[in-house]
Each structure stands twice: as structure tokens, then as C-alpha cells.
């Protein structure tokens, strides 16, 4: 037991028995709730943080977030309060420690890994459906009970039950979390969605299968840089006993591009189950539909969280579309032709084309004749106008005569007209 000035004292109705975890921004004690005589985990904000509103706001925000999450694999909050100005959170006590405690004993068996992931994956998707992003998923934040149950904890600020080297926390320019488990986009301070937690889950999976984390460096910032730029070692190079199928699942979960990772924790858990129980079926050409919790079908498991600074708190999240599962069209090769024909009694919806009545043929002839007459009259009028134009254009220009008068010489047309008039006059004289 570590010496602590709170051990043995009573804090707001909770008798503090011993300390079970120490993080960067909170301390967790095993305590007895005197009013109900039950053992709880009591998370207390140290007094040297009480003068900083940022830590108090994060502490209170965690309470508000967890109080809205009701899932059997998320550690519930029993109580929240302050004693002499010191905030505390009372939670369910997990006597079996954390996954981090299990890792201190060595790598986990594939069956144990599958059991843990199958329990926390639905809880993580549930949190995402409620627009809650964990941002600090790691083995020390997965608690265990005596029956093998796994539970997610620490939605907010606390860094508890951490082994040496896990207590680093970056809280500048919107970057929050533990570098060893950060996604590349989280390390760069970019906008995050649920797939960032999927990456952290992949780091946990890597560590449970190999006994070490993918990236190691002397400084937390060096690890954060490796999360962005370096490729993780192949898990089988560190533990040859794991299968190639399990290695494939781990590598996919650790893809740098969020679009290349598993899109939900449930999807990862399903492939993990196949890789461990039926490794030969992981590459099945027929894709398997995701078995999603019916409670999640009305929600969207992913959301966008805007970057924030410690003083501004968590930005308001907005839902993002759920990635669609596409099913390829069925292959028709080799099927009998009868499968492509409509079943007996099928009534076609295609209407027959109406045919014209053969008794109305004379209407077409009359209409055609009228159109032809109109065209003929138009041609005659056009020719008459053309002839008039030609007559006026054949007259020669006027010529000068004596006395300064202008005279127009007779054209061929006017000569013919004059001859016709003279002939008519001569005929009139000869007539008696």
C-alpha cells in the first residue's frame, strides 16, 4: 500500500481503504460507501489541480458523458460530488484489475483476446452511436471482473491504473491521449471520428497478441511521430505462434488511412472471431453482412469531433454517415435458363401498343391533298413574283436626247406590246 494522506479518511460518505491507481490527472482509491456498505472505486481529483478550471471542467464532463452511457460493458458511475471543494466520482469496483494487469503476466491466448474484444467492441460502437469518442482507449482503461467480464472506463480525463510509460498525456492544441495508443490523425491534432478509437483498439490487439506495443521511443512525441510516419512491425515477427489470419486483422486495424481500417468495432470483432475460430474462412469471397446490435441500427456509430483546446472543452459533435455495406450482384453463370423466366401466372406490366384504325385511311389522303394544293399555290405565286422582277430589271438606263430631255429606249418587251396595239388598230379600220 502506498502512503497517502487520504487513506483511512472519510471523503463525502466514502471511507478510503487504499489506492489502486494513479494517473496524470486523477487518483483512484478502493473505498467503502458507508451508507450502503458496498465497495466502490473512488476517483479523486488531486488538490493541486483544484486551482485549474480546466481539470475541474474535464472531471465534470466525464461524469456527464458516462451518466448518458448505459451499457453493460461500460463502467457505471454511482455518485458524484465534492468534499471540502475536492471533486470525486464513485464508480463500480472491478476486483480483477485491468487488461494491463493481465499483460504483465505475458501475452494473452487467442481465446482470451477474442473474449475481451467481443465484449468491448459493442460497448465502443454504442458510445460512438451516442456521439462519444473515447480518445484514450488502452489496456489500463479496460477493467475486468472476477467472471472474466471486460468493461471500458475513463471517458474523459483520468489516466489511471497505468504501467510505467503510459502516464504521458498530450493536451496541447486539441491533442489529448496517450501517444502509444494514438491514431495518426489524433497525433496530428486533426478532426477525429470513431475510427480513431478503432486504431487504438488495434494497438491493444497488437499488444495483447505480441506482448509489446507497435512503436517504442524514448519520448512521447517520438512515439507520436512514429504513429504518423512508421509502419508497425509484423506481429508474427514478434510472436510466431499467432496465425496469419490474426496478423491480417491486426494489420488492417492499424492502417494509417482511416478509410482502410475497420469502420466499426463490431466489424473488427467479427473478423477476429473468424481469424481465431475459422482462419481458413477469413478470405471467403462472399462478404459477410455485419451483425449490428438492433439498438444501433437507428443511430450512426461514427461522428466528427472538432479540435479543441483544454480551455474550450469538447467541441459539439455532429453525426457522420454510416459506411454502407455493399453486396456484389449475384453471378448468373451456369444457371438454367428457367431461372431467368417469369414464374407461371406472372402478368406483364408492359402495355400493348395501340394500332391505328384501318377504316380511317381516307382521312390521310384528304389531308395530304390539301397540303399538296397549298404547296402548289405557293409555287405559282413565287414564279409570278419572279417574272415581275425580271421584267423590271431588263429595262436599260435612260439616254440623253436633243434638248436635254431624257429618253428611255424601248426594250424588247415594250416593242412587243406596241406592235400588238398597232395590229389591233389596223384591224379596226378594215372592219366595216
Protein backbone atom coordinates (compact mmCIF):
# COMPACT_ATOMS: atom_id res chain seq x y z
CA UNK A 1 0.00 0.00 0.00
CA UNK A 2 1.34 3.40 -0.92
CA UNK A 3 1.36 6.10 1.73
CA UNK A 4 -1.37 8.65 1.03
CA UNK A 5 -2.84 11.39 3.14
CA UNK A 6 -6.41 10.35 2.20
CA UNK A 7 -6.13 6.68 3.15
CA UNK A 8 -8.10 5.96 6.28
CA UNK A 9 -10.15 9.12 5.99
CA UNK A 10 -13.77 9.60 5.01
CA UNK A 11 -14.48 11.67 1.92
CA UNK A 12 -18.12 12.62 1.40
CA UNK A 13 -19.53 9.42 2.88
CA UNK A 14 -16.81 7.18 1.44
CA UNK A 15 -14.22 5.55 3.69
CA UNK A 16 -10.98 5.38 1.71
CA UNK A 17 -9.28 1.99 2.15
CA UNK A 18 -6.30 2.03 -0.22
CA UNK A 19 -5.07 3.39 -3.52
CA UNK A 20 -5.47 1.22 -6.60
CA UNK A 21 -4.45 3.56 -9.41
CA UNK A 22 -2.56 6.74 -10.09
CA UNK A 23 -2.82 8.71 -13.30
CA UNK A 24 -1.78 12.04 -14.68
CA UNK A 25 -4.90 13.87 -13.57
CA UNK A 26 -6.66 11.67 -11.01
CA UNK A 27 -6.11 9.09 -8.31
CA UNK A 28 -8.37 6.06 -7.84
CA UNK A 29 -9.00 4.51 -4.43
CA UNK A 30 -10.80 1.46 -3.19
CA UNK A 31 -13.39 2.82 -0.80
CA UNK A 32 -16.43 1.75 1.18
CA UNK A 33 -19.68 3.63 0.73
CA UNK A 34 -20.80 3.85 4.34
CA UNK A 35 -24.48 4.47 3.58
CA UNK A 36 -24.81 1.26 1.55
CA UNK A 37 -21.87 -0.73 2.92
CA UNK A 38 -20.51 -1.55 -0.52
CA UNK A 39 -17.05 -1.33 -2.06
CA UNK A 40 -16.61 1.22 -4.84
CA UNK A 41 -13.81 2.72 -6.90
CA UNK A 42 -13.46 6.36 -5.91
CA UNK A 43 -11.75 8.65 -8.41
CA UNK A 44 -10.49 11.84 -6.77
CA UNK A 45 -9.05 14.97 -8.34
CA UNK A 46 -5.80 15.88 -6.53
CA UNK A 47 -5.82 19.15 -4.65
CA UNK A 48 -3.01 20.69 -6.69
CA UNK A 49 -5.33 20.52 -9.75
CA UNK A 50 -8.25 22.17 -7.97
CA UNK A 51 -6.97 25.67 -8.76
CA UNK A 52 -7.12 24.92 -12.52
CA UNK A 53 -10.60 25.24 -14.01
CA UNK A 54 -9.53 23.12 -16.99
CA UNK A 55 -9.10 19.96 -14.90
CA UNK A 56 -12.29 20.58 -12.95
CA UNK A 57 -14.26 21.03 -16.20
CA UNK A 58 -12.87 17.80 -17.62
CA UNK A 59 -13.66 15.97 -14.42
CA UNK A 60 -17.25 17.18 -14.52
CA UNK A 61 -17.51 16.44 -18.25
CA UNK A 62 -16.57 12.81 -17.68
CA UNK A 63 -19.42 12.48 -15.21
CA UNK A 64 -21.91 13.94 -17.68
CA UNK A 65 -20.68 11.70 -20.50
CA UNK A 66 -20.71 8.43 -18.55
CA UNK A 67 -24.08 9.19 -16.98
CA UNK A 68 -25.55 9.14 -20.51
CA UNK A 69 -23.95 5.80 -21.41
CA UNK A 70 -25.92 2.80 -20.20
CA UNK A 71 -24.18 -0.30 -21.48
CA UNK A 72 -23.35 -3.48 -19.61
CA UNK A 73 -19.69 -3.25 -20.69
CA UNK A 74 -19.15 0.38 -19.69
CA UNK A 75 -18.22 1.00 -16.05
CA UNK A 76 -21.20 2.85 -14.50
CA UNK A 77 -20.98 5.91 -12.27
CA UNK A 78 -22.72 5.59 -8.89
CA UNK A 79 -22.20 9.06 -7.49
CA UNK A 80 -20.51 12.42 -8.00
CA UNK A 81 -19.83 15.15 -5.50
CA UNK A 82 -17.33 17.40 -3.77
CA UNK A 83 -15.96 17.25 -0.27
CA UNK A 84 -14.28 20.36 1.05
CA UNK A 85 -14.04 21.57 -2.55
CA UNK A 86 -12.36 18.35 -3.78
CA UNK A 87 -14.34 16.59 -6.59
CA UNK A 88 -14.78 12.82 -6.61
CA UNK A 89 -16.53 10.17 -8.72
CA UNK A 90 -17.81 6.89 -7.26
CA UNK A 91 -17.84 4.01 -9.76
CA UNK A 92 -18.33 0.27 -9.78
CA UNK A 93 -15.33 -1.54 -8.33
CA UNK A 94 -13.60 -4.10 -10.57
CA UNK A 95 -11.66 -6.54 -8.36
CA UNK A 96 -9.77 -8.30 -11.16
CA UNK A 97 -7.81 -5.23 -12.24
CA UNK A 98 -7.33 -4.29 -15.87
CA UNK A 99 -6.12 -5.77 -19.14
CA UNK A 100 -2.83 -4.04 -18.40
CA UNK A 101 -2.51 -6.23 -15.30
CA UNK A 102 -3.11 -9.31 -17.45
CA UNK A 103 -0.39 -8.22 -19.88
CA UNK A 104 2.14 -8.07 -17.07
CA UNK A 105 1.82 -11.86 -16.94
CA UNK A 106 2.63 -12.24 -20.65
CA UNK A 107 0.83 -12.43 -23.97
CA UNK A 108 -2.81 -13.42 -23.90
CA UNK A 109 -4.19 -16.51 -25.56
CA UNK A 110 -6.21 -16.01 -28.76
CA UNK A 111 -9.33 -17.16 -26.92
CA UNK A 112 -8.81 -14.61 -24.13
CA UNK A 113 -8.17 -11.86 -26.70
CA UNK A 114 -11.37 -12.76 -28.52
CA UNK A 115 -13.38 -12.76 -25.27
CA UNK A 116 -12.19 -9.25 -24.36
CA UNK A 117 -12.69 -7.75 -27.83
CA UNK A 118 -16.14 -9.31 -28.25
CA UNK A 119 -17.25 -7.60 -25.03
CA UNK A 120 -15.81 -4.12 -25.50
CA UNK A 121 -16.47 -3.81 -29.26
CA UNK A 122 -20.27 -3.44 -28.86
CA UNK A 123 -19.71 -1.01 -25.99
CA UNK A 124 -17.39 1.11 -28.12
CA UNK A 125 -19.84 1.18 -31.02
CA UNK A 126 -22.60 2.09 -28.57
CA UNK A 127 -20.55 5.03 -27.28
CA UNK A 128 -19.92 6.16 -30.86
CA UNK A 129 -23.64 5.95 -31.56
CA UNK A 130 -24.12 8.40 -28.68
CA UNK A 131 -21.54 10.75 -30.20
CA UNK A 132 -18.96 9.92 -27.55
CA UNK A 133 -15.35 9.43 -28.59
CA UNK A 134 -13.11 7.83 -26.00
CA UNK A 135 -9.76 9.20 -27.27
CA UNK A 136 -7.71 7.25 -24.72
CA UNK A 137 -8.52 3.60 -25.24
CA UNK A 138 -5.72 1.42 -23.81
CA UNK A 139 -5.29 -1.73 -21.66
CA UNK A 140 -5.32 0.20 -18.38
CA UNK A 141 -8.76 1.58 -19.28
CA UNK A 142 -10.27 -1.88 -19.82
CA UNK A 143 -11.24 -3.23 -16.40
CA UNK A 144 -12.05 -6.85 -15.56
CA UNK A 145 -14.35 -8.53 -13.06
CA UNK A 146 -13.96 -11.92 -11.40
CA UNK A 147 -16.13 -13.61 -14.05
CA UNK A 148 -13.98 -12.53 -16.99
CA UNK A 149 -16.15 -9.56 -17.90
CA UNK A 150 -14.44 -6.64 -19.65
CA UNK A 151 -15.54 -3.02 -19.18
CA UNK A 152 -14.49 0.29 -20.71
CA UNK A 153 -13.73 3.11 -18.30
CA UNK A 154 -12.21 6.61 -18.24
CA UNK A 155 -14.36 8.57 -20.68
CA UNK A 156 -12.81 11.98 -20.22
CA UNK A 157 -9.72 12.92 -18.30
CA UNK A 158 -8.29 10.34 -15.91
CA UNK A 159 -5.16 8.34 -16.74
CA UNK A 160 -5.38 5.54 -14.18
CA UNK A 161 -4.04 2.06 -13.49
CA UNK A 162 -1.23 2.84 -15.93
CA UNK A 163 2.05 0.99 -16.09
CA UNK A 164 5.26 2.94 -16.36
CA UNK A 165 5.42 4.96 -19.52
CA UNK A 166 1.67 5.08 -20.06
CA UNK A 167 1.05 8.18 -17.98
CA UNK A 168 2.15 10.60 -20.69
CA UNK A 169 -0.66 12.84 -21.82
CA UNK A 170 -0.53 15.44 -24.57
CA UNK A 171 -3.08 18.17 -24.01
CA UNK A 172 -1.88 20.94 -26.35
CA UNK A 173 -3.72 22.25 -29.43
CA UNK A 174 -6.56 19.78 -29.13
CA UNK A 175 -4.34 16.66 -28.93
CA UNK A 176 -5.43 14.51 -25.98
CA UNK A 177 -4.48 10.93 -25.22
CA UNK A 178 -1.60 8.51 -24.70
CA UNK A 179 0.89 8.56 -27.62
CA UNK A 180 1.46 4.78 -27.62
CA UNK A 181 -2.23 4.25 -28.47
CA UNK A 182 -2.96 7.37 -30.52
CA UNK A 183 -4.20 7.15 -34.08
CA UNK A 184 -2.15 9.04 -36.71
CA UNK A 185 -4.89 11.63 -37.11
CA UNK A 186 -5.11 12.10 -33.35
CA UNK A 187 -1.35 12.60 -33.10
CA UNK A 188 -1.60 15.32 -35.76
CA UNK A 189 -4.44 17.12 -33.99
CA UNK A 190 -6.87 16.50 -36.84
CA UNK A 191 -10.63 16.08 -36.65
CA UNK A 192 -11.49 12.67 -35.22
CA UNK A 193 -14.26 10.15 -35.66
CA UNK A 194 -14.94 6.69 -34.29
CA UNK A 195 -12.26 5.12 -36.47
CA UNK A 196 -9.62 6.79 -34.30
CA UNK A 197 -10.78 4.57 -31.43
CA UNK A 198 -10.66 1.60 -33.82
CA UNK A 199 -6.95 2.30 -34.34
CA UNK A 200 -6.41 2.42 -30.57
CA UNK A 201 -8.26 -0.89 -30.31
CA UNK A 202 -5.89 -2.26 -32.95
CA UNK A 203 -2.88 -1.17 -30.87
CA UNK A 204 -4.39 -3.00 -27.90
CA UNK A 205 -4.92 -6.06 -30.07
CA UNK A 206 -1.29 -5.89 -31.22
CA UNK A 207 -0.08 -5.67 -27.62
CA UNK A 208 -2.29 -8.50 -26.36
CA UNK A 209 -1.05 -10.78 -29.16
CA UNK A 210 2.66 -9.89 -29.08
CA UNK A 211 3.32 -8.62 -25.56
CA UNK A 212 4.56 -5.19 -26.68
CA UNK A 213 3.27 -2.04 -28.34
CA UNK A 214 3.83 -1.38 -32.05
CA UNK A 215 6.02 1.70 -31.57
CA UNK A 216 8.66 2.38 -28.94
CA UNK A 217 10.70 5.54 -28.43
CA UNK A 218 12.45 7.47 -25.68
CA UNK A 219 9.93 10.33 -25.73
CA UNK A 220 6.15 10.51 -26.08
CA UNK A 221 6.48 12.92 -29.00
CA UNK A 222 8.84 10.49 -30.73
CA UNK A 223 6.18 7.79 -30.42
CA UNK A 224 3.53 10.18 -31.77
CA UNK A 225 5.72 10.87 -34.81
CA UNK A 226 6.13 7.14 -35.41
CA UNK A 227 2.35 6.69 -35.29
CA UNK A 228 2.15 9.01 -38.29
CA UNK A 229 5.22 8.03 -40.31
CA UNK A 230 6.38 4.50 -39.41
CA UNK A 231 4.95 1.11 -40.34
CA UNK A 232 4.33 -1.25 -37.41
CA UNK A 233 6.34 -4.47 -37.27
CA UNK A 234 4.57 -7.62 -38.38
CA UNK A 235 3.00 -9.26 -35.33
CA UNK A 236 4.26 -12.72 -36.32
CA UNK A 237 7.83 -11.43 -36.30
CA UNK A 238 7.36 -10.84 -32.56
CA UNK A 239 5.17 -13.86 -31.80
CA UNK A 240 5.39 -16.67 -34.39
CA UNK A 241 2.68 -18.60 -32.56
CA UNK A 242 -0.15 -16.36 -33.78
CA UNK A 243 -1.84 -17.23 -37.05
CA UNK A 244 -1.51 -15.37 -40.33
CA UNK A 245 -5.24 -14.68 -40.20
CA UNK A 246 -4.93 -12.98 -36.80
CA UNK A 247 -1.99 -10.97 -38.08
CA UNK A 248 -4.09 -9.80 -41.02
CA UNK A 249 -6.82 -8.49 -38.69
CA UNK A 250 -4.27 -6.61 -36.57
CA UNK A 251 -2.59 -5.00 -39.59
CA UNK A 252 -5.92 -3.85 -41.02
CA UNK A 253 -6.89 -2.24 -37.71
CA UNK A 254 -3.58 -0.30 -37.74
CA UNK A 255 -3.91 1.22 -41.21
CA UNK A 256 -2.76 4.85 -41.34
CA UNK A 257 -5.70 5.90 -43.50
CA UNK A 258 -8.99 5.66 -41.57
CA UNK A 259 -10.78 4.58 -44.77
CA UNK A 260 -8.57 1.47 -44.92
CA UNK A 261 -9.30 0.37 -41.35
CA UNK A 262 -12.30 -1.41 -39.92
CA UNK A 263 -15.13 1.09 -39.87
CA UNK A 264 -16.72 -0.21 -36.67
CA UNK A 265 -15.50 -2.17 -33.67
CA UNK A 266 -18.15 -4.81 -34.38
CA UNK A 267 -16.67 -5.39 -37.82
CA UNK A 268 -13.24 -5.89 -36.27
CA UNK A 269 -14.65 -8.31 -33.69
CA UNK A 270 -16.34 -10.39 -36.39
CA UNK A 271 -13.16 -10.76 -38.42
CA UNK A 272 -11.24 -11.54 -35.23
CA UNK A 273 -13.68 -14.33 -34.42
CA UNK A 274 -13.25 -15.77 -37.90
CA UNK A 275 -9.45 -15.46 -37.73
CA UNK A 276 -9.28 -17.33 -34.42
CA UNK A 277 -12.04 -19.92 -34.81
CA UNK A 278 -12.16 -20.37 -38.60
CA UNK A 279 -8.95 -18.87 -40.05
CA UNK A 280 -9.44 -20.59 -43.42
CA UNK A 281 -12.68 -18.64 -43.97
CA UNK A 282 -11.29 -15.15 -43.44
CA UNK A 283 -10.67 -14.71 -47.18
CA UNK A 284 -14.10 -16.01 -48.17
CA UNK A 285 -15.07 -14.40 -51.48
CA UNK A 286 -18.66 -13.96 -50.33
CA UNK A 287 -18.73 -10.98 -47.96
CA UNK A 288 -20.49 -11.44 -44.63
CA UNK A 289 -23.12 -8.94 -43.59
CA UNK A 290 -22.34 -7.18 -40.33
CA UNK A 291 -24.39 -8.35 -37.38
CA UNK A 292 -25.11 -5.00 -35.76
CA UNK A 293 -26.87 -4.59 -32.46
CA UNK A 294 -30.51 -3.67 -33.26
CA UNK A 295 -30.22 -0.75 -30.83
CA UNK A 296 -27.50 0.70 -33.05
CA UNK A 297 -29.41 0.41 -36.31
CA UNK A 298 -31.31 3.61 -35.58
CA UNK A 299 -28.13 5.52 -34.88
CA UNK A 300 -24.92 6.30 -36.56
CA UNK A 301 -21.88 4.72 -35.00
CA UNK A 302 -19.44 7.42 -36.11
CA UNK A 303 -19.22 11.16 -35.53
CA UNK A 304 -16.88 14.08 -36.18
CA UNK A 305 -15.31 15.80 -33.18
CA UNK A 306 -13.80 19.21 -33.78
CA UNK A 307 -10.40 20.05 -32.39
CA UNK A 308 -10.48 21.84 -29.07
CA UNK A 309 -8.06 23.34 -26.63
CA UNK A 310 -8.06 22.40 -22.94
CA UNK A 311 -9.74 25.67 -22.05
CA UNK A 312 -12.58 25.32 -24.52
CA UNK A 313 -13.71 21.81 -23.68
CA UNK A 314 -15.07 19.23 -26.08
CA UNK A 315 -16.50 20.58 -29.33
CA UNK A 316 -20.06 19.81 -30.24
CA UNK A 317 -20.04 16.57 -32.24
CA UNK A 318 -22.01 16.06 -35.40
CA UNK A 319 -23.08 12.68 -36.80
CA UNK A 320 -21.39 11.23 -39.82
CA UNK A 321 -22.82 8.81 -42.28
CA UNK A 322 -22.52 5.21 -41.54
CA UNK A 323 -20.35 3.41 -44.07
CA UNK A 324 -22.57 1.31 -46.33
CA UNK A 325 -22.00 -2.46 -46.70
CA UNK A 326 -22.14 -3.29 -50.36
CA UNK A 327 -23.10 -6.73 -51.61
CA UNK A 328 -21.86 -7.70 -55.09
CA UNK A 329 -24.51 -8.70 -57.65
CA UNK A 330 -25.16 -12.43 -57.92
CA UNK A 331 -23.42 -14.38 -60.63
CA UNK A 332 -25.73 -15.88 -63.26
CA UNK A 333 -23.11 -18.09 -64.85
CA UNK A 334 -24.18 -21.74 -65.01
CA UNK A 335 -27.79 -21.14 -64.01
CA UNK A 336 -30.53 -22.88 -66.08
CA UNK A 337 -32.48 -20.58 -68.35
CA UNK A 338 -35.68 -21.41 -66.45
CA UNK A 339 -34.37 -19.33 -63.53
CA UNK A 340 -34.41 -16.23 -65.70
CA UNK A 341 -38.02 -16.73 -66.94
CA UNK A 342 -41.02 -15.27 -65.06
CA UNK A 343 -42.95 -17.70 -62.87
CA UNK A 344 -46.26 -19.21 -64.06
CA UNK A 345 -49.17 -16.80 -63.84
CA UNK A 346 -46.88 -13.77 -63.98
CA UNK A 347 -48.71 -10.83 -65.53
CA UNK A 348 -46.59 -8.50 -67.52
CA UNK A 349 -46.88 -4.81 -66.75
CA UNK A 350 -45.87 -3.83 -70.30
CA UNK A 351 -48.83 -2.37 -72.18
CA UNK A 352 -49.59 -3.30 -75.78
CA UNK A 353 -49.02 -0.61 -78.37
CA UNK A 354 -52.29 0.78 -79.82
CA UNK A 355 -52.61 0.24 -83.54
CA UNK A 356 -54.33 2.74 -85.85
CA UNK A 357 -57.86 2.01 -87.18
CA UNK A 358 -57.63 0.78 -90.83
CA UNK A 359 -61.02 2.44 -91.62
CA UNK A 360 -59.59 5.93 -91.32
CA UNK A 361 -57.15 5.71 -94.30
CA UNK A 362 -59.13 8.28 -96.45
CA UNK A 363 -58.55 11.00 -93.83
CA UNK A 364 -54.85 10.80 -94.53
CA UNK A 365 -55.41 11.13 -98.28
CA UNK A 366 -57.56 14.27 -97.89
CA UNK A 367 -55.09 15.90 -95.57
CA UNK A 368 -52.26 15.08 -97.93
CA UNK A 369 -54.15 16.55 -100.90
CA UNK A 370 -54.84 19.81 -99.10
CA UNK A 371 -51.20 20.13 -98.17
CA UNK A 372 -50.21 19.48 -101.80
CA UNK A 373 -52.59 22.16 -103.13
CA UNK A 374 -51.22 24.68 -100.69
CA UNK A 375 -47.69 23.93 -101.80
CA UNK A 376 -48.66 24.27 -105.50
CA UNK A 377 -50.29 27.67 -104.96
CA UNK A 378 -47.22 28.85 -103.17
CA UNK A 379 -45.03 27.81 -106.08
CA UNK A 380 -47.25 29.67 -108.62
CA UNK A 381 -47.17 32.88 -106.60
CA UNK A 382 -43.42 32.63 -106.24
CA UNK A 383 -42.96 32.26 -110.04
CA UNK A 384 -45.21 35.27 -110.74
CA UNK A 385 -43.22 37.46 -108.41
CA UNK A 386 -40.01 36.26 -110.00
CA UNK A 387 -41.25 37.16 -113.53
CA UNK A 388 -42.21 40.68 -112.44
CA UNK A 389 -38.76 41.17 -111.00
CA UNK A 390 -37.10 40.03 -114.23
CA UNK A 391 -39.19 42.45 -116.35
CA UNK A 392 -38.24 45.50 -114.31
CA UNK A 393 -34.60 44.51 -114.26
CA UNK A 394 -34.31 44.24 -118.12
CA UNK A 395 -35.12 47.96 -118.80
CA UNK A 396 -31.95 49.84 -119.96
CA UNK A 397 -30.91 53.10 -118.35
CA UNK A 398 -32.23 56.39 -119.82
CA UNK A 399 -30.22 58.12 -122.63
CA UNK A 400 -29.88 61.81 -123.45
CA UNK A 401 -31.77 63.38 -126.42
CA UNK A 402 -31.58 66.70 -128.02
CA UNK A 403 -32.90 69.47 -125.94
CA UNK A 404 -31.58 67.93 -122.76
CA UNK A 405 -34.57 65.57 -122.36
CA UNK A 406 -34.07 62.10 -121.11
CA UNK A 407 -35.49 59.24 -123.16
CA UNK A 408 -35.72 55.57 -122.37
CA UNK A 409 -35.17 53.30 -125.41
CA UNK A 410 -37.79 50.63 -125.92
CA UNK A 411 -36.96 47.28 -124.62
CA UNK A 412 -37.90 44.05 -126.28
CA UNK A 413 -40.93 43.71 -124.06
CA UNK A 414 -42.28 47.20 -124.78
CA UNK A 415 -41.75 46.64 -128.54
CA UNK A 416 -43.94 43.57 -128.50
CA UNK A 417 -46.65 45.41 -126.56
CA UNK A 418 -46.59 48.36 -129.06
CA UNK A 419 -46.84 46.01 -132.04
CA UNK A 420 -49.86 44.37 -130.53
CA UNK A 421 -51.61 47.73 -130.13
CA UNK A 422 -50.88 48.77 -133.80
CA UNK A 423 -52.18 45.47 -135.11
CA UNK A 424 -55.39 45.94 -133.20
CA UNK A 425 -55.87 49.47 -134.60
CA UNK A 426 -55.34 48.28 -138.22
CA UNK A 427 -57.85 45.56 -137.77
CA UNK A 428 -60.36 48.10 -136.55
CA UNK A 429 -60.03 50.18 -139.74
CA UNK A 430 -60.51 47.24 -142.08
CA UNK A 431 -63.64 46.15 -140.32
CA UNK A 432 -66.86 47.61 -141.94
